[in-house]
Amino acid sequence: MAASKTRTDWALLLLRLAVGGMAVAQAFPVLRNAHGAITFDHTVRWGLALGELVCGGMILVGIWVSLAGGVLVAVLGWPLVHVWLHGAGVLSNLGGLFRLLVGLACALGGGGRWALER
């Protein structure tokens, strides 16, 4: 049985709120606690957190959801692939893998009817 358009729009809204809220909630503490010497490692960490915060905010309010979701997938996927290439198992970071997959679902699903870009 196919889902109605209204049910799909509600599902996209809830997915968008969950993914955007989770990205903002994950990135905000990293940026708030940013202090110390400026090293390459800190710069990369802050840059990834800033990208996650901006993309999460865009997804949350519904602006360019597919693009922001794609960038969020790239931001979240790069560290995961990096540790996989260095010997960690695919299921070694389940939280990161989950965030990657729901970000991909948000990028593929778009903003839905109640996005600001409509």
C-alpha atoms as a PDB file:
ATOM      1  CA  MET A   1       0.000   0.000   0.000  1.00  0.00           C
ATOM      2  CA  ALA A   2       1.458   3.326  -1.059  1.00  0.00           C
ATOM      3  CA  ALA A   3       1.825   6.086   1.491  1.00  0.00           C
ATOM      4  CA  SER A   4      -0.304   9.167   0.969  1.00  0.00           C
ATOM      5  CA  LYS A   5       1.316  12.484   0.085  1.00  0.00           C
ATOM      6  CA  THR A   6       0.439  13.878   3.521  1.00  0.00           C
ATOM      7  CA  ARG A   7       2.089  10.956   5.320  1.00  0.00           C
ATOM      8  CA  THR A   8       5.209  11.356   3.174  1.00  0.00           C
ATOM      9  CA  ASP A   9       5.330  15.092   3.936  1.00  0.00           C
ATOM     10  CA  TRP A  10       5.017  14.413   7.680  1.00  0.00           C
ATOM     11  CA  ALA A  11       7.765  11.792   7.466  1.00  0.00           C
ATOM     12  CA  LEU A  12      10.084  14.207   5.626  1.00  0.00           C
ATOM     13  CA  LEU A  13       9.366  16.943   8.187  1.00  0.00           C
ATOM     14  CA  LEU A  14      10.165  14.654  11.123  1.00  0.00           C
ATOM     15  CA  LEU A  15      13.282  13.311   9.383  1.00  0.00           C
ATOM     16  CA  ARG A  16      14.429  16.848   8.618  1.00  0.00           C
ATOM     17  CA  LEU A  17      13.895  17.996  12.218  1.00  0.00           C
ATOM     18  CA  ALA A  18      15.699  14.944  13.612  1.00  0.00           C
ATOM     19  CA  VAL A  19      18.703  15.118  11.261  1.00  0.00           C
ATOM     20  CA  GLY A  20      19.097  18.898  11.481  1.00  0.00           C
ATOM     21  CA  GLY A  21      18.627  18.973  15.237  1.00  0.00           C
ATOM     22  CA  MET A  22      21.056  16.113  15.753  1.00  0.00           C
ATOM     23  CA  ALA A  23      23.713  17.774  13.568  1.00  0.00           C
ATOM     24  CA  VAL A  24      23.385  21.082  15.413  1.00  0.00           C
ATOM     25  CA  ALA A  25      23.428  19.339  18.791  1.00  0.00           C
ATOM     26  CA  GLN A  26      26.588  17.401  17.865  1.00  0.00           C
ATOM     27  CA  ALA A  27      28.479  20.395  16.433  1.00  0.00           C
ATOM     28  CA  PHE A  28      27.615  23.102  18.944  1.00  0.00           C
ATOM     29  CA  PRO A  29      29.611  21.733  21.932  1.00  0.00           C
ATOM     30  CA  VAL A  30      32.703  21.246  19.753  1.00  0.00           C
ATOM     31  CA  LEU A  31      32.623  24.882  18.669  1.00  0.00           C
ATOM     32  CA  ARG A  32      31.689  26.174  22.115  1.00  0.00           C
ATOM     33  CA  ASN A  33      34.677  24.435  23.713  1.00  0.00           C
ATOM     34  CA  ALA A  34      37.102  25.517  20.975  1.00  0.00           C
ATOM     35  CA  HIS A  35      40.169  26.894  22.726  1.00  0.00           C
ATOM     36  CA  GLY A  36      43.865  26.230  22.900  1.00  0.00           C
ATOM     37  CA  ALA A  37      46.621  26.307  20.362  1.00  0.00           C
ATOM     38  CA  ILE A  38      45.660  26.466  16.710  1.00  0.00           C
ATOM     39  CA  THR A  39      46.986  23.284  15.177  1.00  0.00           C
ATOM     40  CA  PHE A  40      46.052  21.510  11.963  1.00  0.00           C
ATOM     41  CA  ASP A  41      44.095  18.893  13.940  1.00  0.00           C
ATOM     42  CA  HIS A  42      42.073  21.570  15.761  1.00  0.00           C
ATOM     43  CA  THR A  43      41.448  23.458  12.542  1.00  0.00           C
ATOM     44  CA  VAL A  44      40.108  20.348  10.812  1.00  0.00           C
ATOM     45  CA  ARG A  45      37.927  19.460  13.802  1.00  0.00           C
ATOM     46  CA  TRP A  46      36.519  23.005  14.021  1.00  0.00           C
ATOM     47  CA  GLY A  47      35.966  23.144  10.262  1.00  0.00           C
ATOM     48  CA  LEU A  48      34.049  19.862  10.277  1.00  0.00           C
ATOM     49  CA  ALA A  49      31.996  20.998  13.269  1.00  0.00           C
ATOM     50  CA  LEU A  50      31.234  24.335  11.596  1.00  0.00           C
ATOM     51  CA  GLY A  51      30.168  22.545   8.409  1.00  0.00           C
ATOM     52  CA  GLU A  52      27.974  20.199  10.426  1.00  0.00           C
ATOM     53  CA  LEU A  53      26.428  23.138  12.307  1.00  0.00           C
ATOM     54  CA  VAL A  54      25.661  25.157   9.158  1.00  0.00           C
ATOM     55  CA  CYS A  55      24.301  22.176   7.210  1.00  0.00           C
ATOM     56  CA  GLY A  56      22.278  21.013  10.210  1.00  0.00           C
ATOM     57  CA  GLY A  57      20.753  24.472  10.576  1.00  0.00           C
ATOM     58  CA  MET A  58      19.872  24.595   6.880  1.00  0.00           C
ATOM     59  CA  ILE A  59      18.243  21.163   7.072  1.00  0.00           C
ATOM     60  CA  LEU A  60      16.418  22.099  10.256  1.00  0.00           C
ATOM     61  CA  VAL A  61      14.726  25.135   8.715  1.00  0.00           C
ATOM     62  CA  GLY A  62      14.340  23.597   5.262  1.00  0.00           C
ATOM     63  CA  ILE A  63      16.669  25.613   3.045  1.00  0.00           C
ATOM     64  CA  TRP A  64      18.467  23.700   0.246  1.00  0.00           C
ATOM     65  CA  VAL A  65      17.863  20.446   2.079  1.00  0.00           C
ATOM     66  CA  SER A  66      19.226  18.117  -0.605  1.00  0.00           C
ATOM     67  CA  LEU A  67      22.434  20.131  -1.015  1.00  0.00           C
ATOM     68  CA  ALA A  68      22.927  20.585   2.734  1.00  0.00           C
ATOM     69  CA  GLY A  69      22.237  16.883   3.282  1.00  0.00           C
ATOM     70  CA  GLY A  70      24.826  15.964   0.671  1.00  0.00           C
ATOM     71  CA  VAL A  71      27.440  18.214   2.270  1.00  0.00           C
ATOM     72  CA  LEU A  72      26.524  16.814   5.691  1.00  0.00           C
ATOM     73  CA  VAL A  73      27.024  13.281   4.371  1.00  0.00           C
ATOM     74  CA  ALA A  74      30.453  14.298   3.057  1.00  0.00           C
ATOM     75  CA  VAL A  75      31.374  15.972   6.366  1.00  0.00           C
ATOM     76  CA  LEU A  76      30.228  12.960   8.397  1.00  0.00           C
ATOM     77  CA  GLY A  77      31.475  10.356   5.943  1.00  0.00           C
ATOM     78  CA  TRP A  78      35.048  11.556   5.576  1.00  0.00           C
ATOM     79  CA  PRO A  79      36.136  10.708   9.147  1.00  0.00           C
ATOM     80  CA  LEU A  80      34.342   7.362   8.993  1.00  0.00           C
ATOM     81  CA  VAL A  81      36.031   6.338   5.754  1.00  0.00           C
ATOM     82  CA  HIS A  82      39.355   7.557   7.137  1.00  0.00           C
ATOM     83  CA  VAL A  83      39.191   5.234  10.162  1.00  0.00           C
ATOM     84  CA  TRP A  84      37.909   2.368   7.999  1.00  0.00           C
ATOM     85  CA  LEU A  85      40.946   2.726   5.754  1.00  0.00           C
ATOM     86  CA  HIS A  86      43.189   2.551   8.809  1.00  0.00           C
ATOM     87  CA  GLY A  87      41.845  -0.799   9.964  1.00  0.00           C
ATOM     88  CA  ALA A  88      38.744  -0.088  12.042  1.00  0.00           C
ATOM     89  CA  GLY A  89      35.711  -2.233  11.364  1.00  0.00           C
ATOM     90  CA  VAL A  90      32.705  -0.885   9.493  1.00  0.00           C
ATOM     91  CA  LEU A  91      30.567  -1.214  12.628  1.00  0.00           C
ATOM     92  CA  SER A  92      33.170   0.294  14.956  1.00  0.00           C
ATOM     93  CA  ASN A  93      31.366   3.663  15.104  1.00  0.00           C
ATOM     94  CA  LEU A  94      27.653   2.900  15.038  1.00  0.00           C
ATOM     95  CA  GLY A  95      26.621   6.427  16.022  1.00  0.00           C
ATOM     96  CA  GLY A  96      28.582   7.961  13.164  1.00  0.00           C
ATOM     97  CA  LEU A  97      27.280   5.362  10.713  1.00  0.00           C
ATOM     98  CA  PHE A  98      23.695   6.054  11.813  1.00  0.00           C
ATOM     99  CA  ARG A  99      24.142   9.824  11.400  1.00  0.00           C
ATOM    100  CA  LEU A 100      25.650   9.209   7.968  1.00  0.00           C
ATOM    101  CA  LEU A 101      22.713   7.064   6.829  1.00  0.00           C
ATOM    102  CA  VAL A 102      19.960   9.378   8.106  1.00  0.00           C
ATOM    103  CA  GLY A 103      21.787  12.325   6.534  1.00  0.00           C
ATOM    104  CA  LEU A 104      21.807  10.441   3.241  1.00  0.00           C
ATOM    105  CA  ALA A 105      18.080   9.720   3.620  1.00  0.00           C
ATOM    106  CA  CYS A 106      17.461  13.420   4.225  1.00  0.00           C
ATOM    107  CA  ALA A 107      19.537  14.375   1.176  1.00  0.00           C
ATOM    108  CA  LEU A 108      17.626  11.928  -1.019  1.00  0.00           C
ATOM    109  CA  GLY A 109      14.187  12.781   0.407  1.00  0.00           C
ATOM    110  CA  GLY A 110      14.461  16.550   0.195  1.00  0.00           C
ATOM    111  CA  GLY A 111      12.635  19.081   2.310  1.00  0.00           C
ATOM    112  CA  GLY A 112       9.039  18.105   1.729  1.00  0.00           C
ATOM    113  CA  ARG A 113       6.029  20.401   1.619  1.00  0.00           C
ATOM    114  CA  TRP A 114       6.820  22.299   4.807  1.00  0.00           C
ATOM    115  CA  ALA A 115      10.374  23.367   3.959  1.00  0.00           C
ATOM    116  CA  LEU A 116      11.113  27.091   3.720  1.00  0.00           C
ATOM    117  CA  GLU A 117      12.475  26.639   0.226  1.00  0.00           C
ATOM    118  CA  ARG A 118       8.984  25.831  -1.079  1.00  0.00           C
END
